[in-house]
Protein backbone atom coordinates (compact mmCIF):
# COMPACT_ATOMS: atom_id res chain seq x y z
CA MET A 1 -46.42 7.38 -18.90
CA ARG A 2 -46.20 7.57 -15.12
CA ILE A 3 -48.57 5.46 -13.06
CA THR A 4 -49.50 6.08 -9.44
CA MET A 5 -49.82 2.67 -7.87
CA LYS A 6 -50.38 1.20 -4.42
CA ILE A 7 -47.80 -1.37 -3.35
CA ALA A 8 -47.55 -3.57 -0.26
CA VAL A 9 -44.22 -4.84 1.09
CA CYS A 10 -44.48 -7.71 3.58
CA ASP A 11 -41.36 -9.00 5.34
CA ASP A 12 -40.68 -9.79 8.98
CA SER A 13 -37.27 -8.11 8.66
CA ARG A 14 -37.52 -4.35 9.12
CA SER A 15 -34.18 -3.78 7.38
CA ASP A 16 -35.19 -5.91 4.36
CA ARG A 17 -38.48 -4.03 4.08
CA GLY A 18 -36.62 -0.75 4.18
CA ALA A 19 -34.12 -1.86 1.55
CA LEU A 20 -36.87 -3.01 -0.82
CA LYS A 21 -38.85 0.19 -0.30
CA ALA A 22 -35.75 2.29 -1.01
CA LEU A 23 -35.14 0.39 -4.26
CA LEU A 24 -38.78 0.82 -5.31
CA ASN A 25 -38.43 4.57 -4.84
CA THR A 26 -35.61 4.58 -7.42
CA CYS A 27 -37.71 2.89 -10.13
CA GLY A 28 -38.89 6.17 -11.62
CA GLN A 29 -42.59 5.65 -10.80
CA ASP A 30 -45.04 7.20 -8.34
CA PHE A 31 -45.85 4.61 -5.68
CA GLU A 32 -47.78 4.60 -2.43
CA ILE A 33 -46.03 1.94 -0.34
CA ARG A 34 -47.21 0.35 2.90
CA GLU A 35 -45.02 -1.98 4.96
CA TYR A 36 -46.16 -5.07 6.90
CA GLY A 37 -44.21 -7.22 9.33
CA SER A 38 -46.20 -10.45 8.89
CA GLY A 39 -48.69 -12.21 6.66
CA ALA A 40 -51.36 -11.83 9.34
CA GLU A 41 -50.75 -8.07 9.54
CA LEU A 42 -51.01 -7.79 5.77
CA TYR A 43 -54.18 -9.86 5.62
CA GLU A 44 -55.83 -7.63 8.22
CA ASP A 45 -55.46 -4.73 5.77
CA MET A 46 -57.18 -6.41 2.81
CA GLY A 47 -59.01 -3.20 1.98
CA TYR A 48 -55.65 -1.73 0.93
CA VAL A 49 -54.41 -4.97 -0.66
CA ARG A 50 -57.44 -5.07 -2.99
CA GLU A 51 -56.36 -1.70 -4.37
CA CYS A 52 -52.72 -2.71 -4.84
CA GLY A 53 -51.07 -3.33 -8.17
CA ILE A 54 -48.20 -5.32 -6.64
CA VAL A 55 -47.67 -7.13 -3.34
CA PHE A 56 -44.10 -8.08 -2.44
CA LEU A 57 -44.00 -11.06 -0.06
CA ASP A 58 -41.06 -12.54 1.78
CA ILE A 59 -41.45 -16.32 1.68
CA ASN A 60 -39.71 -17.15 4.96
CA MET A 61 -41.74 -15.46 7.68
CA GLU A 62 -42.85 -16.73 11.05
CA GLY A 63 -46.51 -17.67 11.33
CA ALA A 64 -48.25 -17.35 7.96
CA ASP A 65 -45.35 -17.50 5.47
CA GLY A 66 -45.35 -15.79 2.11
CA LEU A 67 -46.68 -18.81 0.20
CA GLU A 68 -49.68 -19.23 2.49
CA THR A 69 -50.34 -15.48 2.42
CA ALA A 70 -50.06 -15.45 -1.39
CA ARG A 71 -52.67 -18.22 -1.68
CA ARG A 72 -55.12 -16.30 0.50
CA ILE A 73 -54.59 -13.03 -1.35
CA LYS A 74 -54.94 -14.64 -4.79
CA ALA A 75 -58.17 -16.35 -3.68
CA GLU A 76 -59.70 -12.95 -2.86
CA CYS A 77 -57.81 -10.68 -5.27
CA PRO A 78 -56.88 -12.68 -8.38
CA LYS A 79 -55.82 -9.57 -10.30
CA VAL A 80 -53.18 -8.47 -7.76
CA HIS A 81 -49.64 -9.20 -8.92
CA ILE A 82 -47.70 -11.16 -6.30
CA VAL A 83 -43.91 -10.97 -6.26
CA LEU A 84 -42.24 -13.50 -3.96
CA VAL A 85 -38.92 -12.39 -2.47
CA THR A 86 -36.57 -14.79 -0.72
CA ALA A 87 -32.95 -15.62 -0.03
CA TYR A 88 -33.40 -19.20 -1.28
CA ILE A 89 -33.75 -20.16 -4.94
CA ASN A 90 -35.27 -23.58 -4.20
CA TYR A 91 -38.68 -21.96 -3.58
CA ALA A 92 -39.13 -20.94 -7.22
CA LEU A 93 -41.39 -23.90 -8.11
CA GLU A 94 -43.67 -23.14 -5.17
CA GLY A 95 -44.08 -19.62 -6.50
CA TYR A 96 -45.76 -20.91 -9.63
CA LYS A 97 -48.16 -22.98 -7.54
CA VAL A 98 -49.50 -19.88 -5.81
CA LYS A 99 -49.78 -17.98 -9.13
CA ALA A 100 -47.00 -15.51 -8.31
CA SER A 101 -46.17 -13.08 -11.10
CA ARG A 102 -42.45 -13.08 -10.34
CA PHE A 103 -39.85 -14.64 -8.04
CA LEU A 104 -36.88 -12.52 -6.90
CA LEU A 105 -33.79 -13.32 -4.85
CA LYS A 106 -32.94 -10.82 -2.12
CA ASP A 107 -29.27 -10.78 -3.07
CA ASP A 108 -30.14 -9.79 -6.65
CA LEU A 109 -32.76 -7.10 -6.02
CA GLU A 110 -30.55 -4.19 -7.10
CA GLN A 111 -30.13 -5.86 -10.50
CA THR A 112 -33.63 -7.35 -10.97
CA LEU A 113 -36.22 -5.20 -9.20
CA SER A 114 -36.50 -2.35 -11.70
CA GLU A 115 -36.99 -4.70 -14.66
CA CYS A 116 -39.54 -6.73 -12.67
CA VAL A 117 -41.57 -3.61 -11.88
CA ASP A 118 -41.41 -2.39 -15.48
CA ASP A 119 -42.63 -5.78 -16.75
CA ILE A 120 -45.56 -5.84 -14.34
CA LEU A 121 -46.53 -2.25 -15.14
CA ARG A 122 -46.58 -3.19 -18.83
CA GLU A 123 -48.82 -6.18 -18.05
CA ILE A 124 -51.18 -3.99 -16.03
CA ARG A 125 -51.44 -1.51 -18.90
CA GLN A 126 -52.31 -4.42 -21.19
CA GLU A 127 -54.94 -5.66 -18.74
CA GLU A 128 -56.53 -2.21 -18.55
CA GLN A 129 -56.81 -1.79 -22.32
CA VAL A 130 -60.45 -1.63 -23.41
CA VAL A 131 -61.69 -3.23 -26.61
CA GLU A 132 -65.13 -2.85 -28.19
CA PHE A 133 -66.89 -5.47 -30.29
CA GLY A 134 -70.26 -5.79 -31.97
CA PHE A 135 -71.52 -8.97 -30.34
CA VAL A 136 -74.75 -10.81 -31.03
CA GLU A 137 -75.79 -9.45 -27.63
CA GLY A 138 -75.01 -5.89 -28.74
CA ASN A 139 -71.98 -3.60 -28.66
CA LYS A 140 -69.85 -4.22 -25.58
CA ARG A 141 -66.68 -2.66 -24.18
CA LEU A 142 -64.44 -5.18 -22.40
CA ARG A 143 -61.19 -4.91 -20.49
CA ALA A 144 -58.60 -7.12 -22.16
CA GLY A 145 -57.74 -8.52 -18.74
CA ASP A 146 -61.32 -9.74 -18.24
CA ILE A 147 -61.35 -11.93 -21.37
CA ILE A 148 -60.31 -15.46 -20.34
CA TYR A 149 -60.38 -17.09 -23.76
CA ILE A 150 -62.16 -17.09 -27.11
CA GLU A 151 -63.41 -20.33 -28.66
CA THR A 152 -64.84 -21.07 -32.08
CA ASN A 153 -68.30 -22.65 -31.89
CA ARG A 154 -69.76 -23.48 -35.30
CA HIS A 155 -69.95 -20.20 -37.24
CA LYS A 156 -69.43 -17.94 -34.21
CA ASN A 157 -66.62 -17.14 -31.82
CA VAL A 158 -67.52 -17.12 -28.14
CA PHE A 159 -65.82 -14.78 -25.62
CA TYR A 160 -65.57 -16.32 -22.17
CA THR A 161 -64.99 -13.52 -19.66
CA THR A 162 -64.85 -13.12 -15.90
CA GLY A 163 -68.49 -12.04 -16.10
CA GLN A 164 -70.49 -13.65 -18.88
CA THR A 165 -70.12 -15.02 -22.41
CA TYR A 166 -70.58 -13.11 -25.67
CA SER A 167 -70.87 -14.38 -29.24
CA ILE A 168 -69.61 -12.69 -32.38
CA TYR A 169 -69.72 -13.37 -36.12
CA LYS A 170 -66.09 -12.52 -36.78
CA LYS A 171 -63.18 -14.67 -37.90
CA MET A 172 -60.64 -15.77 -35.30
CA ASP A 173 -57.83 -14.36 -37.47
CA GLU A 174 -59.42 -10.90 -37.23
CA LEU A 175 -59.90 -11.17 -33.47
CA GLU A 176 -56.30 -12.25 -33.01
CA LYS A 177 -55.10 -9.15 -34.90
CA GLU A 178 -57.34 -6.83 -32.83
CA LEU A 179 -56.00 -8.27 -29.57
CA VAL A 180 -52.32 -8.35 -30.56
CA GLY A 181 -50.01 -7.01 -27.85
CA MET A 182 -52.60 -7.60 -25.11
CA GLY A 183 -51.30 -10.91 -23.76
CA PHE A 184 -53.15 -13.44 -25.92
CA VAL A 185 -51.78 -16.59 -27.57
CA ARG A 186 -53.35 -18.60 -30.42
CA ILE A 187 -52.99 -22.29 -29.59
CA HIS A 188 -54.82 -23.58 -32.67
CA GLN A 189 -57.55 -22.56 -35.09
CA SER A 190 -60.32 -22.68 -32.48
CA PHE A 191 -58.77 -21.08 -29.38
CA LEU A 192 -57.28 -17.70 -28.48
CA ILE A 193 -56.13 -17.71 -24.85
CA ASN A 194 -55.44 -14.87 -22.42
CA MET A 195 -52.08 -15.93 -20.94
CA ARG A 196 -52.94 -14.37 -17.57
CA TYR A 197 -55.32 -17.27 -17.02
CA ILE A 198 -52.92 -20.09 -17.85
CA GLU A 199 -52.23 -22.28 -14.82
CA LYS A 200 -49.66 -24.50 -16.54
CA ILE A 201 -48.63 -26.04 -19.87
CA SER A 202 -47.19 -29.55 -19.99
CA SER A 203 -47.43 -32.70 -22.09
CA TYR A 204 -49.30 -30.84 -24.85
CA VAL A 205 -52.08 -29.82 -22.46
CA MET A 206 -52.86 -26.27 -21.27
CA VAL A 207 -54.68 -25.91 -17.95
CA LEU A 208 -56.44 -22.62 -17.22
CA THR A 209 -57.05 -21.14 -13.79
CA THR A 210 -60.73 -21.96 -14.32
CA GLY A 211 -59.84 -25.66 -14.47
CA LYS A 212 -60.49 -25.97 -18.20
CA GLU A 213 -58.01 -28.19 -20.06
CA ILE A 214 -57.20 -27.60 -23.74
CA SER A 215 -55.00 -29.74 -25.97
CA VAL A 216 -52.15 -27.91 -27.70
CA PRO A 217 -51.21 -29.33 -31.14
CA LYS A 218 -47.68 -30.73 -31.28
CA ALA A 219 -46.76 -28.41 -34.15
CA ARG A 220 -47.70 -25.28 -32.17
CA TYR A 221 -46.51 -26.46 -28.75
CA PRO A 222 -42.93 -25.03 -28.83
CA GLU A 223 -44.15 -21.59 -29.96
CA VAL A 224 -46.98 -21.51 -27.41
CA LYS A 225 -44.53 -22.43 -24.63
CA ARG A 226 -42.09 -19.78 -25.85
CA GLN A 227 -44.71 -17.03 -25.89
CA TYR A 228 -45.98 -17.99 -22.43
CA THR A 229 -42.46 -18.08 -21.01
CA LEU A 230 -41.76 -14.61 -22.41
CA PHE A 231 -45.08 -13.35 -21.04
CA LYS A 232 -44.23 -14.60 -17.56
CA GLY A 233 -40.85 -12.88 -17.75
CA ALA A 234 -38.87 -16.05 -17.20
CA GLU A 235 -36.46 -15.40 -20.08
């Protein structure tokens, strides 16, 4: 299925912008691509950025660098996928701190860009999937990408979303099956987590972008880490 998507390419090198744009046009998708020569220039066009599926940011730019620009964009547009592009591999850790979806090296773009775009398009399709449940509050249709996590509370399961909470009398095993393939991970009997909202996992603790911390049982920890790593495209 072909997807028409808006993309922003921000790099203070005109030739690097042109090279990235040319590679994007060979990915077999329909894109509308705008180029920007600085973080400030990009930020001035936030109306367009809010409609983008992907924003490619060079890290090493004069003035507002890619990391600073990524933080500002994510603060206003948390659903936009940020891809950091640089000539230096030592910035990879910083990319995770600003919630970048991917980190690409300029020298490897011909080999890595197409796969990166395909992975993000798949994630976006997952986010846009709509599921319908019969909640205590009534029947509701929700975007999979808007469900942050589901938690068991006594005899009900509670959906925490980007809007409000909903309760349902349905077993967690059934909910897990209905949401399979949509980016969720079961960390123990009482929690089903949308991996898009995971900030980090370390020392048997999962931290969500909302600030919530959840303990991950030792027995499940390796599998949870594996699924999250695969989801982030790091393997």
